[in-house]
Amino acid sequence: LLGLKVLLVYYPGHLATAVHFEESVTGDYISLDNQKFVVCDPTYINAHIGLTMPQYVGKPVSIIKI
């Protein structure tokens, strides 16, 4: 939609997204191919960009490139 690079972040039982922003954005992120992808979970109601749901912090993830 905005022309930004996006990953799907699969936690066991949950799917979120991570976005590569051109400007600096703080928060939880995933490094892939020397790029920073900030967690942006549309299902985490009222959460700011960069927040991971507490029950998934530190859990193993699978990354899906799209």
Protein backbone atom coordinates (compact mmCIF):
# COMPACT_ATOMS: atom_id res chain seq x y z
CA LEU A 1 0.00 0.00 0.00
CA LEU A 2 2.73 2.46 0.91
CA GLY A 3 5.51 0.83 -1.06
CA LEU A 4 7.35 -0.31 2.08
CA LYS A 5 9.01 -3.71 2.51
CA VAL A 6 6.97 -5.99 4.78
CA LEU A 7 7.59 -9.36 6.42
CA LEU A 8 5.13 -11.73 8.00
CA VAL A 9 6.20 -12.79 11.49
CA TYR A 10 4.75 -16.14 12.50
CA TYR A 11 4.67 -16.97 16.19
CA PRO A 12 3.12 -20.34 17.09
CA GLY A 13 -0.60 -19.55 16.92
CA HIS A 14 -0.23 -15.91 15.81
CA LEU A 15 0.73 -13.91 12.72
CA ALA A 16 2.00 -10.32 12.77
CA THR A 17 3.87 -8.02 10.39
CA ALA A 18 7.17 -6.16 10.47
CA VAL A 19 7.89 -3.16 8.26
CA HIS A 20 11.15 -1.67 6.97
CA PHE A 21 10.88 2.11 7.38
CA GLU A 22 13.16 4.56 5.56
CA GLU A 23 13.40 6.75 8.69
CA SER A 24 14.49 5.66 12.14
CA VAL A 25 11.70 4.01 14.15
CA THR A 26 12.23 2.63 17.65
CA GLY A 27 10.75 -0.51 19.13
CA ASP A 28 10.90 -4.29 18.72
CA TYR A 29 12.39 -5.31 15.41
CA ILE A 30 13.76 -8.14 13.32
CA SER A 31 17.00 -7.87 11.36
CA LEU A 32 16.98 -9.53 7.97
CA ASP A 33 19.35 -9.01 5.03
CA ASN A 34 21.05 -6.13 6.89
CA GLN A 35 17.74 -4.28 7.22
CA LYS A 36 15.67 -3.47 10.30
CA PHE A 37 11.99 -4.48 10.18
CA VAL A 38 9.93 -2.96 13.02
CA VAL A 39 7.08 -5.03 14.43
CA CYS A 40 3.70 -3.61 13.41
CA ASP A 41 0.99 -5.92 14.70
CA PRO A 42 -2.45 -4.83 13.46
CA THR A 43 -4.15 -7.25 15.85
CA TYR A 44 -2.53 -5.75 18.97
CA ILE A 45 -5.29 -3.26 19.76
CA ASN A 46 -4.09 0.25 20.73
CA ALA A 47 -0.42 -0.80 20.51
CA HIS A 48 2.11 1.60 19.06
CA ILE A 49 4.46 0.65 16.26
CA GLY A 50 7.29 -1.46 17.62
CA LEU A 51 5.36 -3.31 20.33
CA THR A 52 5.18 -7.08 20.41
CA MET A 53 2.34 -8.74 22.31
CA PRO A 54 3.77 -9.69 25.74
CA GLN A 55 2.92 -13.38 25.37
CA TYR A 56 5.14 -13.60 22.26
CA VAL A 57 8.21 -11.66 23.48
CA GLY A 58 11.22 -13.95 23.31
CA LYS A 59 9.32 -16.74 21.55
CA PRO A 60 10.75 -18.36 18.42
CA VAL A 61 9.45 -16.93 15.16
CA SER A 62 9.38 -17.92 11.53
CA ILE A 63 9.87 -15.15 8.98
CA ILE A 64 7.92 -15.13 5.73
CA LYS A 65 9.16 -12.75 3.02
CA ILE A 66 6.43 -11.20 0.92
